[in-house]
Amino acid sequence: MTLKTPHIVGLGNAIVDVVVAVDPSVIDRHGLSMGGMHLVDAKAARTLFDEVGPGVRQSGGSVANSIAHLSETGVKGTYLGKVANDELGQVFRDEMAAMGIAAPVAVAQDESLGTGRCVVLVTPDGERTMSTHLGAAVEILPAEVRAPMPDAFDILFVEGYLWDAPNGAAAIETAAELAKAAGARIAMSPSDAGCVARNAAAMQGFITRYCDILIGNSVEIDALAGTNGAEAALDWALRQVAVAAVTEHDKGSLVADATGRHRIPAVAVSRVVDTTGAGDAYASGFLAALALGESIIDAGQRGAEMAAKVLVHYGARDGAAARAISLPAA
């Protein structure tokens, strides 16, 4: 008898990360908030890149990173999103394929749309500040989610950033309805406190109607819940969903389900080089463990272990995969 391999489907903004080490003065000069994610237009993206590039590139996006990390877990991954018909779009698809991740992403044919790109500015303390031009990612349509959605899978993981897209809410709801029809659980990450501020009502409504698993850092979930601190954020989350994980950087995470709540310590690393994607890696390990039928404690520990691995190099995944380039014009 062959055991079925668990399968997680991710939905989010498909972008290519360009990671650059910078002095903190760069953050101030471009009017960015340290540690935040900022949505910018094509001109602002180009101005910033012209100053700090070329950096290193890697297919990215929050949930895309989480799905990519599934290649390390034995859990099958599929990623849905939208790219442009350009070099960066091809990079995104090629890198996912090289990791064994199915990525039947939609491809925008409008030549004025470039593949989304995020310039990740990493300061000497390892903090990352993101300047993101979403490009083709925000043009995703419900039909482009419906057509490639697998018939059978175990967990759908939705990215909060997608609510910033004009048709994002409709695409997310389409995915959620298909997940429920497939008998899959639905997980969500708020993604960023600023994203929550822009989309709080939509996110809260989605959690009430669809969500089974909530994963995020304490700042994001506090913003969503109107709470103050990880313990209160977890209390709120457990009133909404069956399973929750609230991360607190070097303090570790709080995880809970019907069996109880637990403090999971962070895995120590010799030096934090770059925090980019640590939360994405945590979510991947956490969800993979749940899909494999492991306990909530094991899920939290697996998440912590995977998060630690990305803290010691630049970029959201294995630094060896990133390549220095010049960013194509928007």
C-alpha atoms as a PDB file:
ATOM      1  CA  MET A   1       0.000   0.000   0.000  1.00  0.00           C
ATOM      2  CA  THR A   2       1.406   3.404  -1.023  1.00  0.00           C
ATOM      3  CA  LEU A   3       0.896   6.229   1.461  1.00  0.00           C
ATOM      4  CA  LYS A   4      -0.338   9.502  -0.011  1.00  0.00           C
ATOM      5  CA  THR A   5       2.193  12.349   0.065  1.00  0.00           C
ATOM      6  CA  PRO A   6       0.680  15.392   1.829  1.00  0.00           C
ATOM      7  CA  HIS A   7       0.133  18.345  -0.490  1.00  0.00           C
ATOM      8  CA  ILE A   8       0.088  22.076   0.327  1.00  0.00           C
ATOM      9  CA  VAL A   9      -1.058  24.722  -2.163  1.00  0.00           C
ATOM     10  CA  GLY A  10       0.072  28.327  -1.746  1.00  0.00           C
ATOM     11  CA  LEU A  11      -1.514  31.464  -3.195  1.00  0.00           C
ATOM     12  CA  GLY A  12       0.147  34.864  -3.178  1.00  0.00           C
ATOM     13  CA  ASN A  13       2.070  37.579  -4.981  1.00  0.00           C
ATOM     14  CA  ALA A  14       4.689  36.011  -7.242  1.00  0.00           C
ATOM     15  CA  ILE A  15       7.726  38.282  -7.162  1.00  0.00           C
ATOM     16  CA  VAL A  16      11.490  38.108  -7.513  1.00  0.00           C
ATOM     17  CA  ASP A  17      13.519  39.302  -4.518  1.00  0.00           C
ATOM     18  CA  VAL A  18      16.616  41.432  -5.038  1.00  0.00           C
ATOM     19  CA  VAL A  19      18.566  41.370  -1.756  1.00  0.00           C
ATOM     20  CA  VAL A  20      21.129  44.086  -0.984  1.00  0.00           C
ATOM     21  CA  ALA A  21      23.228  44.899   2.095  1.00  0.00           C
ATOM     22  CA  VAL A  22      22.955  48.632   2.888  1.00  0.00           C
ATOM     23  CA  ASP A  23      23.742  51.268   5.474  1.00  0.00           C
ATOM     24  CA  PRO A  24      20.708  52.397   7.539  1.00  0.00           C
ATOM     25  CA  SER A  25      20.956  55.851   5.948  1.00  0.00           C
ATOM     26  CA  VAL A  26      19.603  54.354   2.703  1.00  0.00           C
ATOM     27  CA  ILE A  27      16.347  53.493   4.495  1.00  0.00           C
ATOM     28  CA  ASP A  28      15.913  57.084   5.656  1.00  0.00           C
ATOM     29  CA  ARG A  29      16.939  58.623   2.340  1.00  0.00           C
ATOM     30  CA  HIS A  30      14.199  56.784   0.467  1.00  0.00           C
ATOM     31  CA  GLY A  31      11.514  57.537   3.063  1.00  0.00           C
ATOM     32  CA  LEU A  32      11.127  53.917   4.176  1.00  0.00           C
ATOM     33  CA  SER A  33      10.343  52.566   7.634  1.00  0.00           C
ATOM     34  CA  MET A  34      12.939  50.206   9.067  1.00  0.00           C
ATOM     35  CA  GLY A  35      11.644  46.618   9.027  1.00  0.00           C
ATOM     36  CA  GLY A  36       8.507  47.401   7.000  1.00  0.00           C
ATOM     37  CA  MET A  37       7.167  46.382   3.599  1.00  0.00           C
ATOM     38  CA  HIS A  38       6.448  49.324   1.297  1.00  0.00           C
ATOM     39  CA  LEU A  39       4.477  49.224  -1.942  1.00  0.00           C
ATOM     40  CA  VAL A  40       6.032  51.504  -4.540  1.00  0.00           C
ATOM     41  CA  ASP A  41       5.440  52.377  -8.176  1.00  0.00           C
ATOM     42  CA  ALA A  42       7.752  51.378 -11.011  1.00  0.00           C
ATOM     43  CA  LYS A  43       9.638  54.700 -10.947  1.00  0.00           C
ATOM     44  CA  ALA A  44      10.404  54.496  -7.216  1.00  0.00           C
ATOM     45  CA  ALA A  45      11.480  50.876  -7.609  1.00  0.00           C
ATOM     46  CA  ARG A  46      13.894  51.848 -10.379  1.00  0.00           C
ATOM     47  CA  THR A  47      15.311  54.832  -8.445  1.00  0.00           C
ATOM     48  CA  LEU A  48      16.075  52.687  -5.418  1.00  0.00           C
ATOM     49  CA  PHE A  49      17.584  49.886  -7.472  1.00  0.00           C
ATOM     50  CA  ASP A  50      19.775  52.286  -9.423  1.00  0.00           C
ATOM     51  CA  GLU A  51      21.331  53.340  -6.116  1.00  0.00           C
ATOM     52  CA  VAL A  52      21.738  49.985  -4.364  1.00  0.00           C
ATOM     53  CA  GLY A  53      21.803  47.297  -7.083  1.00  0.00           C
ATOM     54  CA  PRO A  54      22.602  44.784  -8.411  1.00  0.00           C
ATOM     55  CA  GLY A  55      22.300  42.671  -5.252  1.00  0.00           C
ATOM     56  CA  VAL A  56      21.311  39.028  -5.511  1.00  0.00           C
ATOM     57  CA  ARG A  57      18.055  37.734  -6.925  1.00  0.00           C
ATOM     58  CA  GLN A  58      15.794  34.842  -6.080  1.00  0.00           C
ATOM     59  CA  SER A  59      12.211  33.916  -6.852  1.00  0.00           C
ATOM     60  CA  GLY A  60      10.217  35.101  -3.885  1.00  0.00           C
ATOM     61  CA  GLY A  61       7.038  36.369  -2.379  1.00  0.00           C
ATOM     62  CA  SER A  62       6.050  35.389   1.153  1.00  0.00           C
ATOM     63  CA  VAL A  63       3.973  32.268   0.494  1.00  0.00           C
ATOM     64  CA  ALA A  64       6.111  31.398  -2.530  1.00  0.00           C
ATOM     65  CA  ASN A  65       9.064  31.141  -0.141  1.00  0.00           C
ATOM     66  CA  SER A  66       7.041  28.929   2.194  1.00  0.00           C
ATOM     67  CA  ILE A  67       6.026  26.612  -0.627  1.00  0.00           C
ATOM     68  CA  ALA A  68       9.604  26.486  -1.948  1.00  0.00           C
ATOM     69  CA  HIS A  69      10.847  25.338   1.465  1.00  0.00           C
ATOM     70  CA  LEU A  70       8.510  22.346   1.262  1.00  0.00           C
ATOM     71  CA  SER A  71      11.139  20.765  -0.982  1.00  0.00           C
ATOM     72  CA  GLU A  72      13.085  20.173   2.255  1.00  0.00           C
ATOM     73  CA  THR A  73      10.223  18.427   4.057  1.00  0.00           C
ATOM     74  CA  GLY A  74       8.876  15.588   1.917  1.00  0.00           C
ATOM     75  CA  VAL A  75       5.578  17.440   1.482  1.00  0.00           C
ATOM     76  CA  LYS A  76       4.389  18.195  -2.053  1.00  0.00           C
ATOM     77  CA  GLY A  77       4.030  21.872  -2.938  1.00  0.00           C
ATOM     78  CA  THR A  78       2.082  23.794  -5.573  1.00  0.00           C
ATOM     79  CA  TYR A  79       2.237  27.567  -5.966  1.00  0.00           C
ATOM     80  CA  LEU A  80      -0.352  29.777  -7.674  1.00  0.00           C
ATOM     81  CA  GLY A  81       0.207  33.403  -8.633  1.00  0.00           C
ATOM     82  CA  LYS A  82       0.912  35.582 -11.669  1.00  0.00           C
ATOM     83  CA  VAL A  83       4.088  36.717 -13.412  1.00  0.00           C
ATOM     84  CA  ALA A  84       4.861  38.631 -16.605  1.00  0.00           C
ATOM     85  CA  ASN A  85       6.176  37.273 -19.879  1.00  0.00           C
ATOM     86  CA  ASP A  86       9.701  38.498 -19.147  1.00  0.00           C
ATOM     87  CA  GLU A  87      13.093  37.383 -17.815  1.00  0.00           C
ATOM     88  CA  LEU A  88      12.149  37.630 -14.151  1.00  0.00           C
ATOM     89  CA  GLY A  89       8.958  35.662 -14.785  1.00  0.00           C
ATOM     90  CA  GLN A  90      11.022  32.904 -16.353  1.00  0.00           C
ATOM     91  CA  VAL A  91      13.441  33.007 -13.418  1.00  0.00           C
ATOM     92  CA  PHE A  92      10.528  32.522 -11.045  1.00  0.00           C
ATOM     93  CA  ARG A  93       9.175  29.497 -12.911  1.00  0.00           C
ATOM     94  CA  ASP A  94      12.583  27.926 -13.506  1.00  0.00           C
ATOM     95  CA  GLU A  95      13.643  28.186  -9.861  1.00  0.00           C
ATOM     96  CA  MET A  96      10.405  26.654  -8.614  1.00  0.00           C
ATOM     97  CA  ALA A  97      10.703  23.815 -11.120  1.00  0.00           C
ATOM     98  CA  ALA A  98      14.327  23.172 -10.088  1.00  0.00           C
ATOM     99  CA  MET A  99      13.132  22.626  -6.518  1.00  0.00           C
ATOM    100  CA  GLY A 100      10.428  20.201  -7.588  1.00  0.00           C
ATOM    101  CA  ILE A 101       7.631  22.680  -6.868  1.00  0.00           C
ATOM    102  CA  ALA A 102       4.691  22.831  -9.271  1.00  0.00           C
ATOM    103  CA  ALA A 103       4.117  26.452 -10.260  1.00  0.00           C
ATOM    104  CA  PRO A 104       1.319  26.713 -12.847  1.00  0.00           C
ATOM    105  CA  VAL A 105       1.342  30.499 -12.495  1.00  0.00           C
ATOM    106  CA  ALA A 106      -0.643  32.697 -14.841  1.00  0.00           C
ATOM    107  CA  VAL A 107       1.444  34.725 -17.310  1.00  0.00           C
ATOM    108  CA  ALA A 108       0.409  38.289 -18.188  1.00  0.00           C
ATOM    109  CA  GLN A 109       0.773  39.013 -21.880  1.00  0.00           C
ATOM    110  CA  ASP A 110       0.536  42.801 -21.476  1.00  0.00           C
ATOM    111  CA  GLU A 111       4.103  43.969 -22.218  1.00  0.00           C
ATOM    112  CA  SER A 112       3.684  47.005 -19.952  1.00  0.00           C
ATOM    113  CA  LEU A 113       3.482  44.714 -16.928  1.00  0.00           C
ATOM    114  CA  GLY A 114       6.717  43.425 -15.472  1.00  0.00           C
ATOM    115  CA  THR A 115       7.044  40.547 -13.059  1.00  0.00           C
ATOM    116  CA  GLY A 116       6.754  41.803  -9.495  1.00  0.00           C
ATOM    117  CA  ARG A 117      10.033  42.541  -7.772  1.00  0.00           C
ATOM    118  CA  CYS A 118      11.011  43.348  -4.176  1.00  0.00           C
ATOM    119  CA  VAL A 119      14.214  45.146  -3.286  1.00  0.00           C
ATOM    120  CA  VAL A 120      15.134  43.814   0.177  1.00  0.00           C
ATOM    121  CA  LEU A 121      17.435  46.208   2.037  1.00  0.00           C
ATOM    122  CA  VAL A 122      19.390  44.412   4.762  1.00  0.00           C
ATOM    123  CA  THR A 123      21.078  46.566   7.420  1.00  0.00           C
ATOM    124  CA  PRO A 124      24.071  45.406   9.505  1.00  0.00           C
ATOM    125  CA  ASP A 125      21.805  44.225  12.342  1.00  0.00           C
ATOM    126  CA  GLY A 126      20.149  41.726   9.953  1.00  0.00           C
ATOM    127  CA  GLU A 127      16.842  43.625   9.801  1.00  0.00           C
ATOM    128  CA  ARG A 128      15.212  43.724   6.391  1.00  0.00           C
ATOM    129  CA  THR A 129      13.199  46.551   4.863  1.00  0.00           C
ATOM    130  CA  MET A 130      11.274  45.792   1.692  1.00  0.00           C
ATOM    131  CA  SER A 131      10.410  48.066  -1.225  1.00  0.00           C
ATOM    132  CA  THR A 132       8.020  46.200  -3.474  1.00  0.00           C
ATOM    133  CA  HIS A 133       6.677  46.872  -6.951  1.00  0.00           C
ATOM    134  CA  LEU A 134       4.037  44.206  -7.488  1.00  0.00           C
ATOM    135  CA  GLY A 135       3.793  44.449 -11.271  1.00  0.00           C
ATOM    136  CA  ALA A 136       1.884  41.555 -12.853  1.00  0.00           C
ATOM    137  CA  ALA A 137       1.239  39.917  -9.469  1.00  0.00           C
ATOM    138  CA  VAL A 138      -1.638  42.293  -8.704  1.00  0.00           C
ATOM    139  CA  GLU A 139      -3.401  41.447 -11.964  1.00  0.00           C
ATOM    140  CA  ILE A 140      -4.317  37.916 -10.886  1.00  0.00           C
ATOM    141  CA  LEU A 141      -7.944  36.970 -11.596  1.00  0.00           C
ATOM    142  CA  PRO A 142     -10.198  34.363  -9.958  1.00  0.00           C
ATOM    143  CA  ALA A 143     -10.225  32.299 -13.168  1.00  0.00           C
ATOM    144  CA  GLU A 144      -6.427  32.143 -13.043  1.00  0.00           C
ATOM    145  CA  VAL A 145      -6.708  30.534  -9.622  1.00  0.00           C
ATOM    146  CA  ARG A 146      -9.567  28.211 -10.488  1.00  0.00           C
ATOM    147  CA  ALA A 147      -8.054  26.662 -13.623  1.00  0.00           C
ATOM    148  CA  PRO A 148      -4.747  25.337 -12.182  1.00  0.00           C
ATOM    149  CA  MET A 149      -6.020  24.467  -8.686  1.00  0.00           C
ATOM    150  CA  PRO A 150      -5.328  20.777  -7.921  1.00  0.00           C
ATOM    151  CA  ASP A 151      -8.350  18.556  -7.364  1.00  0.00           C
ATOM    152  CA  ALA A 152      -6.963  17.109  -4.149  1.00  0.00           C
ATOM    153  CA  PHE A 153      -4.682  18.650  -1.530  1.00  0.00           C
ATOM    154  CA  ASP A 154      -4.452  18.966   2.241  1.00  0.00           C
ATOM    155  CA  ILE A 155      -3.810  22.627   3.096  1.00  0.00           C
ATOM    156  CA  LEU A 156      -4.308  25.914   1.263  1.00  0.00           C
ATOM    157  CA  PHE A 157      -1.957  28.671   2.460  1.00  0.00           C
ATOM    158  CA  VAL A 158      -3.049  32.239   1.662  1.00  0.00           C
ATOM    159  CA  GLU A 159      -0.852  35.338   1.802  1.00  0.00           C
ATOM    160  CA  GLY A 160      -2.241  38.521   3.339  1.00  0.00           C
ATOM    161  CA  TYR A 161      -0.368  40.677   0.822  1.00  0.00           C
ATOM    162  CA  LEU A 162      -2.700  39.415  -1.924  1.00  0.00           C
ATOM    163  CA  TRP A 163      -5.555  41.509  -0.505  1.00  0.00           C
ATOM    164  CA  ASP A 164      -3.715  44.561  -1.846  1.00  0.00           C
ATOM    165  CA  ALA A 165      -4.456  43.420  -5.422  1.00  0.00           C
ATOM    166  CA  PRO A 166      -7.613  44.795  -7.114  1.00  0.00           C
ATOM    167  CA  ASN A 167      -9.039  41.305  -7.597  1.00  0.00           C
ATOM    168  CA  GLY A 168      -7.121  39.749  -4.723  1.00  0.00           C
ATOM    169  CA  ALA A 169     -10.090  39.254  -2.428  1.00  0.00           C
ATOM    170  CA  ALA A 170     -12.054  37.515  -5.186  1.00  0.00           C
ATOM    171  CA  ALA A 171      -9.065  35.307  -6.064  1.00  0.00           C
ATOM    172  CA  ILE A 172      -8.618  34.357  -2.410  1.00  0.00           C
ATOM    173  CA  GLU A 173     -12.297  33.530  -1.976  1.00  0.00           C
ATOM    174  CA  THR A 174     -12.226  31.385  -5.128  1.00  0.00           C
ATOM    175  CA  ALA A 175      -9.267  29.462  -3.744  1.00  0.00           C
ATOM    176  CA  ALA A 176     -10.937  29.049  -0.358  1.00  0.00           C
ATOM    177  CA  GLU A 177     -14.134  27.679  -1.873  1.00  0.00           C
ATOM    178  CA  LEU A 178     -12.135  25.185  -3.925  1.00  0.00           C
ATOM    179  CA  ALA A 179     -10.151  24.175  -0.842  1.00  0.00           C
ATOM    180  CA  LYS A 180     -13.292  23.543   1.160  1.00  0.00           C
ATOM    181  CA  ALA A 181     -14.725  21.488  -1.712  1.00  0.00           C
ATOM    182  CA  ALA A 182     -11.528  19.417  -1.684  1.00  0.00           C
ATOM    183  CA  GLY A 183     -11.762  18.882   2.076  1.00  0.00           C
ATOM    184  CA  ALA A 184      -8.547  20.845   2.682  1.00  0.00           C
ATOM    185  CA  ARG A 185      -7.758  22.999   5.689  1.00  0.00           C
ATOM    186  CA  ILE A 186      -7.127  26.693   5.071  1.00  0.00           C
ATOM    187  CA  ALA A 187      -4.179  28.553   6.575  1.00  0.00           C
ATOM    188  CA  MET A 188      -3.488  32.272   6.411  1.00  0.00           C
ATOM    189  CA  SER A 189      -0.668  34.680   7.232  1.00  0.00           C
ATOM    190  CA  PRO A 190      -1.482  38.397   7.744  1.00  0.00           C
ATOM    191  CA  SER A 191       1.936  39.086   6.102  1.00  0.00           C
ATOM    192  CA  ASP A 192       2.632  42.569   7.481  1.00  0.00           C
ATOM    193  CA  ALA A 193       1.113  45.052   9.957  1.00  0.00           C
ATOM    194  CA  GLY A 194       0.797  47.669   7.217  1.00  0.00           C
ATOM    195  CA  CYS A 195      -1.033  45.185   5.027  1.00  0.00           C
ATOM    196  CA  VAL A 196      -3.374  44.461   7.937  1.00  0.00           C
ATOM    197  CA  ALA A 197      -4.076  48.180   8.355  1.00  0.00           C
ATOM    198  CA  ARG A 198      -5.114  48.392   4.712  1.00  0.00           C
ATOM    199  CA  ASN A 199      -7.212  45.212   4.711  1.00  0.00           C
ATOM    200  CA  ALA A 200      -8.247  44.421   8.294  1.00  0.00           C
ATOM    201  CA  ALA A 201     -11.981  44.024   7.652  1.00  0.00           C
ATOM    202  CA  ALA A 202     -11.439  41.738   4.658  1.00  0.00           C
ATOM    203  CA  MET A 203      -8.948  39.589   6.559  1.00  0.00           C
ATOM    204  CA  GLN A 204     -11.162  39.307   9.614  1.00  0.00           C
ATOM    205  CA  GLY A 205     -14.107  38.306   7.451  1.00  0.00           C
ATOM    206  CA  PHE A 206     -12.002  35.667   5.704  1.00  0.00           C
ATOM    207  CA  ILE A 207     -10.827  34.242   9.019  1.00  0.00           C
ATOM    208  CA  THR A 208     -14.407  33.997  10.262  1.00  0.00           C
ATOM    209  CA  ARG A 209     -15.692  32.279   7.119  1.00  0.00           C
ATOM    210  CA  TYR A 210     -12.813  30.080   6.062  1.00  0.00           C
ATOM    211  CA  CYS A 211      -9.693  29.967   8.198  1.00  0.00           C
ATOM    212  CA  ASP A 212      -8.552  26.891  10.159  1.00  0.00           C
ATOM    213  CA  ILE A 213      -4.915  27.829  10.811  1.00  0.00           C
ATOM    214  CA  LEU A 214      -3.448  31.283  11.515  1.00  0.00           C
ATOM    215  CA  ILE A 215       0.309  31.960  11.403  1.00  0.00           C
ATOM    216  CA  GLY A 216       1.999  35.307  11.914  1.00  0.00           C
ATOM    217  CA  ASN A 217       4.308  37.331  14.078  1.00  0.00           C
ATOM    218  CA  SER A 218       3.007  39.065  17.162  1.00  0.00           C
ATOM    219  CA  VAL A 219       3.033  42.525  15.548  1.00  0.00           C
ATOM    220  CA  GLU A 220       0.888  41.354  12.609  1.00  0.00           C
ATOM    221  CA  ILE A 221      -1.621  39.475  14.711  1.00  0.00           C
ATOM    222  CA  ASP A 222      -1.794  42.283  17.281  1.00  0.00           C
ATOM    223  CA  ALA A 223      -2.662  44.628  14.398  1.00  0.00           C
ATOM    224  CA  LEU A 224      -5.353  42.247  13.219  1.00  0.00           C
ATOM    225  CA  ALA A 225      -6.789  41.572  16.671  1.00  0.00           C
ATOM    226  CA  GLY A 226      -6.321  44.932  18.370  1.00  0.00           C
ATOM    227  CA  THR A 227      -4.314  43.210  21.106  1.00  0.00           C
ATOM    228  CA  ASN A 228      -0.945  43.982  22.716  1.00  0.00           C
ATOM    229  CA  GLY A 229       1.559  41.156  22.996  1.00  0.00           C
ATOM    230  CA  ALA A 230       1.935  37.564  21.844  1.00  0.00           C
ATOM    231  CA  GLU A 231      -0.088  35.954  24.634  1.00  0.00           C
ATOM    232  CA  ALA A 232      -3.097  38.185  23.959  1.00  0.00           C
ATOM    233  CA  ALA A 233      -2.675  37.726  20.212  1.00  0.00           C
ATOM    234  CA  LEU A 234      -2.737  33.948  20.650  1.00  0.00           C
ATOM    235  CA  ASP A 235      -5.828  34.172  22.868  1.00  0.00           C
ATOM    236  CA  TRP A 236      -7.600  36.101  20.114  1.00  0.00           C
ATOM    237  CA  ALA A 237      -6.426  33.732  17.401  1.00  0.00           C
ATOM    238  CA  LEU A 238      -7.728  30.686  19.269  1.00  0.00           C
ATOM    239  CA  ARG A 239     -11.174  32.256  19.437  1.00  0.00           C
ATOM    240  CA  GLN A 240     -11.137  32.379  15.632  1.00  0.00           C
ATOM    241  CA  VAL A 241      -9.303  29.242  14.459  1.00  0.00           C
ATOM    242  CA  ALA A 242      -8.427  25.717  15.568  1.00  0.00           C
ATOM    243  CA  VAL A 243      -4.639  26.047  15.211  1.00  0.00           C
ATOM    244  CA  ALA A 244      -2.441  29.097  15.682  1.00  0.00           C
ATOM    245  CA  ALA A 245       1.234  30.067  15.787  1.00  0.00           C
ATOM    246  CA  VAL A 246       2.462  33.488  16.926  1.00  0.00           C
ATOM    247  CA  THR A 247       6.167  34.141  16.377  1.00  0.00           C
ATOM    248  CA  GLU A 248       8.360  36.555  18.348  1.00  0.00           C
ATOM    249  CA  HIS A 249      11.711  36.594  16.567  1.00  0.00           C
ATOM    250  CA  ASP A 250      14.473  35.532  18.999  1.00  0.00           C
ATOM    251  CA  LYS A 251      11.935  34.802  21.742  1.00  0.00           C
ATOM    252  CA  GLY A 252      10.640  31.864  19.728  1.00  0.00           C
ATOM    253  CA  SER A 253       6.939  31.245  19.182  1.00  0.00           C
ATOM    254  CA  LEU A 254       3.690  30.409  20.886  1.00  0.00           C
ATOM    255  CA  VAL A 255       1.709  27.576  19.284  1.00  0.00           C
ATOM    256  CA  ALA A 256      -1.640  26.107  20.208  1.00  0.00           C
ATOM    257  CA  ASP A 257      -4.419  23.767  19.189  1.00  0.00           C
ATOM    258  CA  ALA A 258      -7.065  21.737  21.039  1.00  0.00           C
ATOM    259  CA  THR A 259      -4.340  19.846  22.928  1.00  0.00           C
ATOM    260  CA  GLY A 260      -2.944  22.972  24.575  1.00  0.00           C
ATOM    261  CA  ARG A 261      -0.592  25.910  24.139  1.00  0.00           C
ATOM    262  CA  HIS A 262       3.163  25.784  24.191  1.00  0.00           C
ATOM    263  CA  ARG A 263       6.217  28.048  24.107  1.00  0.00           C
ATOM    264  CA  ILE A 264       8.687  26.942  21.430  1.00  0.00           C
ATOM    265  CA  PRO A 265      12.185  28.403  21.859  1.00  0.00           C
ATOM    266  CA  ALA A 266      14.022  29.876  18.900  1.00  0.00           C
ATOM    267  CA  VAL A 267      16.903  27.827  17.537  1.00  0.00           C
ATOM    268  CA  ALA A 268      20.164  29.613  18.309  1.00  0.00           C
ATOM    269  CA  VAL A 269      22.397  30.705  15.431  1.00  0.00           C
ATOM    270  CA  SER A 270      25.965  31.975  15.579  1.00  0.00           C
ATOM    271  CA  ARG A 271      25.124  35.244  13.824  1.00  0.00           C
ATOM    272  CA  VAL A 272      22.004  36.711  12.248  1.00  0.00           C
ATOM    273  CA  VAL A 273      22.960  37.822   8.744  1.00  0.00           C
ATOM    274  CA  ASP A 274      19.505  38.533   7.286  1.00  0.00           C
ATOM    275  CA  THR A 275      15.992  37.994   8.658  1.00  0.00           C
ATOM    276  CA  THR A 276      14.445  37.983   5.165  1.00  0.00           C
ATOM    277  CA  GLY A 277      12.088  35.030   4.846  1.00  0.00           C
ATOM    278  CA  ALA A 278      12.551  33.655   8.369  1.00  0.00           C
ATOM    279  CA  GLY A 279       8.814  33.863   9.003  1.00  0.00           C
ATOM    280  CA  ASP A 280       8.128  32.247   5.624  1.00  0.00           C
ATOM    281  CA  ALA A 281      10.442  29.364   6.497  1.00  0.00           C
ATOM    282  CA  TYR A 282       8.793  28.982   9.904  1.00  0.00           C
ATOM    283  CA  ALA A 283       5.374  28.779   8.260  1.00  0.00           C
ATOM    284  CA  SER A 284       6.635  26.146   5.845  1.00  0.00           C
ATOM    285  CA  GLY A 285       7.980  23.911   8.590  1.00  0.00           C
ATOM    286  CA  PHE A 286       4.918  24.430  10.761  1.00  0.00           C
ATOM    287  CA  LEU A 287       2.439  23.614   8.002  1.00  0.00           C
ATOM    288  CA  ALA A 288       4.491  20.701   6.685  1.00  0.00           C
ATOM    289  CA  ALA A 289       4.459  19.120  10.126  1.00  0.00           C
ATOM    290  CA  LEU A 290       0.692  19.566  10.415  1.00  0.00           C
ATOM    291  CA  ALA A 291       0.200  18.053   6.962  1.00  0.00           C
ATOM    292  CA  LEU A 292       2.334  15.087   8.029  1.00  0.00           C
ATOM    293  CA  GLY A 293       0.143  14.558  11.095  1.00  0.00           C
ATOM    294  CA  GLU A 294       2.737  15.671  13.642  1.00  0.00           C
ATOM    295  CA  SER A 295       1.883  17.275  16.992  1.00  0.00           C
ATOM    296  CA  ILE A 296       1.556  21.017  17.509  1.00  0.00           C
ATOM    297  CA  ILE A 297       4.805  20.978  19.508  1.00  0.00           C
ATOM    298  CA  ASP A 298       6.641  19.191  16.710  1.00  0.00           C
ATOM    299  CA  ALA A 299       5.164  21.657  14.216  1.00  0.00           C
ATOM    300  CA  GLY A 300       6.473  24.609  16.198  1.00  0.00           C
ATOM    301  CA  GLN A 301       9.894  23.011  16.553  1.00  0.00           C
ATOM    302  CA  ARG A 302      10.100  22.207  12.848  1.00  0.00           C
ATOM    303  CA  GLY A 303       9.161  25.802  12.074  1.00  0.00           C
ATOM    304  CA  ALA A 304      11.858  27.127  14.406  1.00  0.00           C
ATOM    305  CA  GLU A 305      14.498  24.876  12.858  1.00  0.00           C
ATOM    306  CA  MET A 306      13.659  25.964   9.330  1.00  0.00           C
ATOM    307  CA  ALA A 307      13.586  29.646  10.308  1.00  0.00           C
ATOM    308  CA  ALA A 308      17.061  29.364  11.839  1.00  0.00           C
ATOM    309  CA  LYS A 309      18.520  28.018   8.605  1.00  0.00           C
ATOM    310  CA  VAL A 310      17.694  31.167   6.654  1.00  0.00           C
ATOM    311  CA  LEU A 311      19.000  33.611   9.258  1.00  0.00           C
ATOM    312  CA  VAL A 312      22.626  32.839   8.498  1.00  0.00           C
ATOM    313  CA  HIS A 313      22.741  33.928   4.834  1.00  0.00           C
ATOM    314  CA  TYR A 314      21.376  36.672   2.599  1.00  0.00           C
ATOM    315  CA  GLY A 315      18.032  35.936   0.986  1.00  0.00           C
ATOM    316  CA  ALA A 316      14.916  34.010   1.937  1.00  0.00           C
ATOM    317  CA  ARG A 317      16.294  30.630   0.889  1.00  0.00           C
ATOM    318  CA  ASP A 318      19.676  29.019   0.264  1.00  0.00           C
ATOM    319  CA  GLY A 319      22.024  31.866  -0.598  1.00  0.00           C
ATOM    320  CA  ALA A 320      23.833  29.678  -3.122  1.00  0.00           C
ATOM    321  CA  ALA A 321      20.786  29.872  -5.371  1.00  0.00           C
ATOM    322  CA  ALA A 322      20.904  33.658  -5.690  1.00  0.00           C
ATOM    323  CA  ARG A 323      22.690  35.353  -8.569  1.00  0.00           C
ATOM    324  CA  ALA A 324      23.916  38.936  -8.960  1.00  0.00           C
ATOM    325  CA  ILE A 325      22.162  40.740 -11.804  1.00  0.00           C
ATOM    326  CA  SER A 326      20.893  44.079 -13.036  1.00  0.00           C
ATOM    327  CA  LEU A 327      17.148  44.486 -12.630  1.00  0.00           C
ATOM    328  CA  PRO A 328      15.223  44.651 -15.932  1.00  0.00           C
ATOM    329  CA  ALA A 329      13.380  47.904 -16.594  1.00  0.00           C
ATOM    330  CA  ALA A 330       9.801  48.052 -15.304  1.00  0.00           C
END
